[in-house]
């Protein structure tokens, strides 16, 4: 399964990086303040799924350990 995911990632990596035209246009405009805000927003949006998955994994592990 890991090999399949790796092959798909390598195959589609160029397509994935080309999907954010608006972000690229903002960063290329040269305004550092806007680029910094954009990067902060991306990190903010990226953090919550990891937090939710971590909480779910914790509760599942605790339930599994109890049995």
Protein backbone atom coordinates (compact mmCIF):
# COMPACT_ATOMS: atom_id res chain seq x y z
CA UNK A 1 0.00 0.00 0.00
CA UNK A 2 2.84 2.40 0.82
CA UNK A 3 4.40 1.83 -2.58
CA UNK A 4 1.14 2.67 -4.34
CA UNK A 5 0.77 5.92 -2.39
CA UNK A 6 4.39 6.83 -3.11
CA UNK A 7 3.99 6.18 -6.85
CA UNK A 8 0.79 8.25 -6.98
CA UNK A 9 2.46 11.08 -5.08
CA UNK A 10 5.43 11.12 -7.44
CA UNK A 11 3.21 10.86 -10.51
CA UNK A 12 0.85 13.68 -9.49
CA UNK A 13 3.32 15.97 -7.67
CA UNK A 14 3.68 18.33 -10.62
CA UNK A 15 -0.09 18.66 -10.96
CA UNK A 16 -0.52 19.30 -7.25
CA UNK A 17 1.97 22.16 -7.15
CA UNK A 18 0.26 23.95 -10.05
CA UNK A 19 -3.16 24.29 -8.42
CA UNK A 20 -2.71 27.50 -6.45
CA UNK A 21 -2.49 30.26 -9.03
CA UNK A 22 -3.87 32.95 -6.71
CA UNK A 23 -1.38 32.19 -3.95
CA UNK A 24 1.48 32.25 -6.43
CA UNK A 25 0.31 35.58 -7.89
CA UNK A 26 0.12 37.19 -4.44
CA UNK A 27 3.59 36.04 -3.45
CA UNK A 28 5.11 37.05 -6.79
CA UNK A 29 3.69 40.57 -6.45
CA UNK A 30 6.55 41.37 -4.09
CA UNK A 31 4.57 42.55 -1.06
CA UNK A 32 6.27 40.87 1.90
CA UNK A 33 3.49 41.66 4.37
CA UNK A 34 0.86 39.94 2.23
CA UNK A 35 3.14 36.95 1.65
CA UNK A 36 3.74 36.62 5.39
CA UNK A 37 0.00 36.75 6.07
CA UNK A 38 -0.61 34.15 3.40
CA UNK A 39 1.98 31.82 4.92
CA UNK A 40 0.46 32.26 8.39
CA UNK A 41 -2.98 31.46 7.03
CA UNK A 42 -1.74 28.31 5.35
CA UNK A 43 -0.11 27.11 8.58
CA UNK A 44 -3.28 27.94 10.54
CA UNK A 45 -5.47 25.96 8.12
CA UNK A 46 -2.99 23.08 8.02
CA UNK A 47 -2.72 22.69 11.81
CA UNK A 48 -6.34 21.86 12.62
CA UNK A 49 -6.66 18.60 10.65
CA UNK A 50 -3.50 17.31 12.34
CA UNK A 51 -4.84 18.29 15.75
CA UNK A 52 -8.18 16.57 15.09
CA UNK A 53 -6.51 13.39 13.85
CA UNK A 54 -4.22 13.39 16.88
CA UNK A 55 -7.16 13.74 19.27
CA UNK A 56 -9.07 10.97 17.50
CA UNK A 57 -5.99 8.70 17.59
CA UNK A 58 -5.56 9.38 21.30
CA UNK A 59 -9.14 8.40 22.13
CA UNK A 60 -9.01 5.32 19.89
CA UNK A 61 -5.74 4.22 21.48
CA UNK A 62 -7.16 4.75 24.95
CA UNK A 63 -10.27 2.72 24.05
CA UNK A 64 -8.11 -0.04 22.51
CA UNK A 65 -5.83 -0.11 25.56
CA UNK A 66 -8.80 -0.42 27.92
CA UNK A 67 -9.91 -3.67 26.23
